[in-house]
C-alpha atoms as a PDB file:
ATOM      1  CA  UNK A   1       6.374 -25.905  20.397  1.00  0.00           C
ATOM      2  CA  UNK A   2       6.864 -24.550  16.831  1.00  0.00           C
ATOM      3  CA  UNK A   3       4.421 -22.201  15.093  1.00  0.00           C
ATOM      4  CA  UNK A   4       3.718 -24.797  12.528  1.00  0.00           C
ATOM      5  CA  UNK A   5       2.862 -27.440  15.127  1.00  0.00           C
ATOM      6  CA  UNK A   6       0.669 -24.921  16.985  1.00  0.00           C
ATOM      7  CA  UNK A   7      -1.151 -24.118  13.785  1.00  0.00           C
ATOM      8  CA  UNK A   8      -1.723 -27.753  13.026  1.00  0.00           C
ATOM      9  CA  UNK A   9      -2.957 -28.438  16.544  1.00  0.00           C
ATOM     10  CA  UNK A  10      -5.391 -25.500  16.471  1.00  0.00           C
ATOM     11  CA  UNK A  11      -6.685 -26.550  13.027  1.00  0.00           C
ATOM     12  CA  UNK A  12      -7.179 -30.142  14.056  1.00  0.00           C
ATOM     13  CA  UNK A  13      -8.942 -29.120  17.302  1.00  0.00           C
ATOM     14  CA  UNK A  14     -11.226 -26.567  15.663  1.00  0.00           C
ATOM     15  CA  UNK A  15     -11.902 -27.949  12.207  1.00  0.00           C
ATOM     16  CA  UNK A  16     -11.091 -31.594  12.838  1.00  0.00           C
ATOM     17  CA  UNK A  17     -13.086 -31.605  16.045  1.00  0.00           C
ATOM     18  CA  UNK A  18     -10.437 -33.389  18.017  1.00  0.00           C
ATOM     19  CA  UNK A  19     -10.596 -32.869  21.807  1.00  0.00           C
ATOM     20  CA  UNK A  20      -7.526 -31.655  23.640  1.00  0.00           C
ATOM     21  CA  UNK A  21      -7.163 -35.106  25.174  1.00  0.00           C
ATOM     22  CA  UNK A  22      -7.111 -36.714  21.648  1.00  0.00           C
ATOM     23  CA  UNK A  23      -4.665 -34.102  20.357  1.00  0.00           C
ATOM     24  CA  UNK A  24      -2.337 -34.871  23.285  1.00  0.00           C
ATOM     25  CA  UNK A  25      -2.629 -38.564  22.578  1.00  0.00           C
ATOM     26  CA  UNK A  26      -1.934 -37.996  18.908  1.00  0.00           C
ATOM     27  CA  UNK A  27       1.247 -36.101  19.577  1.00  0.00           C
ATOM     28  CA  UNK A  28       2.447 -38.860  21.991  1.00  0.00           C
ATOM     29  CA  UNK A  29       1.688 -41.631  19.561  1.00  0.00           C
ATOM     30  CA  UNK A  30       3.299 -39.834  16.559  1.00  0.00           C
ATOM     31  CA  UNK A  31       6.380 -38.436  18.128  1.00  0.00           C
ATOM     32  CA  UNK A  32       6.519 -39.209  21.865  1.00  0.00           C
ATOM     33  CA  UNK A  33       5.870 -35.484  22.429  1.00  0.00           C
ATOM     34  CA  UNK A  34       4.028 -34.783  25.606  1.00  0.00           C
ATOM     35  CA  UNK A  35       1.839 -31.765  25.544  1.00  0.00           C
ATOM     36  CA  UNK A  36      -0.693 -31.322  28.278  1.00  0.00           C
ATOM     37  CA  UNK A  37      -4.354 -30.513  27.832  1.00  0.00           C
ATOM     38  CA  UNK A  38      -3.789 -27.209  29.616  1.00  0.00           C
ATOM     39  CA  UNK A  39      -1.032 -26.241  27.177  1.00  0.00           C
ATOM     40  CA  UNK A  40      -3.287 -27.070  24.243  1.00  0.00           C
ATOM     41  CA  UNK A  41      -6.103 -24.938  25.700  1.00  0.00           C
ATOM     42  CA  UNK A  42      -3.752 -22.041  26.159  1.00  0.00           C
ATOM     43  CA  UNK A  43      -2.340 -22.427  22.722  1.00  0.00           C
ATOM     44  CA  UNK A  44      -5.779 -22.303  21.169  1.00  0.00           C
ATOM     45  CA  UNK A  45      -6.591 -19.217  23.188  1.00  0.00           C
ATOM     46  CA  UNK A  46      -3.393 -17.468  22.131  1.00  0.00           C
ATOM     47  CA  UNK A  47      -4.030 -18.218  18.452  1.00  0.00           C
ATOM     48  CA  UNK A  48      -7.636 -17.069  18.719  1.00  0.00           C
ATOM     49  CA  UNK A  49      -6.489 -13.761  20.225  1.00  0.00           C
ATOM     50  CA  UNK A  50      -3.850 -13.370  17.571  1.00  0.00           C
ATOM     51  CA  UNK A  51      -6.123 -13.774  14.655  1.00  0.00           C
ATOM     52  CA  UNK A  52      -9.100 -11.871  16.110  1.00  0.00           C
ATOM     53  CA  UNK A  53      -8.012  -8.412  14.702  1.00  0.00           C
ATOM     54  CA  UNK A  54      -7.505  -9.853  11.239  1.00  0.00           C
ATOM     55  CA  UNK A  55     -10.940 -11.557  11.319  1.00  0.00           C
ATOM     56  CA  UNK A  56     -12.616  -8.326  12.531  1.00  0.00           C
ATOM     57  CA  UNK A  57     -10.947  -6.376   9.682  1.00  0.00           C
ATOM     58  CA  UNK A  58     -12.082  -9.025   7.223  1.00  0.00           C
ATOM     59  CA  UNK A  59     -15.740  -8.786   8.420  1.00  0.00           C
ATOM     60  CA  UNK A  60     -15.559  -5.016   7.981  1.00  0.00           C
ATOM     61  CA  UNK A  61     -13.872  -5.176   4.625  1.00  0.00           C
ATOM     62  CA  UNK A  62     -15.965  -7.940   3.049  1.00  0.00           C
ATOM     63  CA  UNK A  63     -19.371  -6.197   2.799  1.00  0.00           C
ATOM     64  CA  UNK A  64     -17.689  -3.295   1.006  1.00  0.00           C
ATOM     65  CA  UNK A  65     -16.255  -5.703  -1.623  1.00  0.00           C
ATOM     66  CA  UNK A  66     -19.601  -7.436  -2.017  1.00  0.00           C
ATOM     67  CA  UNK A  67     -21.495  -4.227  -2.639  1.00  0.00           C
ATOM     68  CA  UNK A  68     -18.950  -3.080  -5.217  1.00  0.00           C
ATOM     69  CA  UNK A  69     -19.170  -6.422  -6.973  1.00  0.00           C
ATOM     70  CA  UNK A  70     -22.974  -6.226  -7.186  1.00  0.00           C
ATOM     71  CA  UNK A  71     -22.739  -2.674  -8.513  1.00  0.00           C
ATOM     72  CA  UNK A  72     -20.199  -3.719 -11.158  1.00  0.00           C
ATOM     73  CA  UNK A  73     -22.332  -6.570 -12.291  1.00  0.00           C
ATOM     74  CA  UNK A  74     -25.209  -4.248 -13.010  1.00  0.00           C
ATOM     75  CA  UNK A  75     -23.305  -2.201 -15.609  1.00  0.00           C
END
């Protein structure tokens, strides 16, 4: 499964609120691509683990940016 397809499936699952069963059905209907529910679950877990360090860094970085923005607006 390509990285682009993995990204689309994770996005549809998490933000489009499609179940793994519906994602599997969608792939089959669109391209006769069989991807099992277990594969979709593991893909979602791998992507979540891959982006976790970046999200953690963003959460640590963002308050610093906000405080400097507020300070600069006072001057």
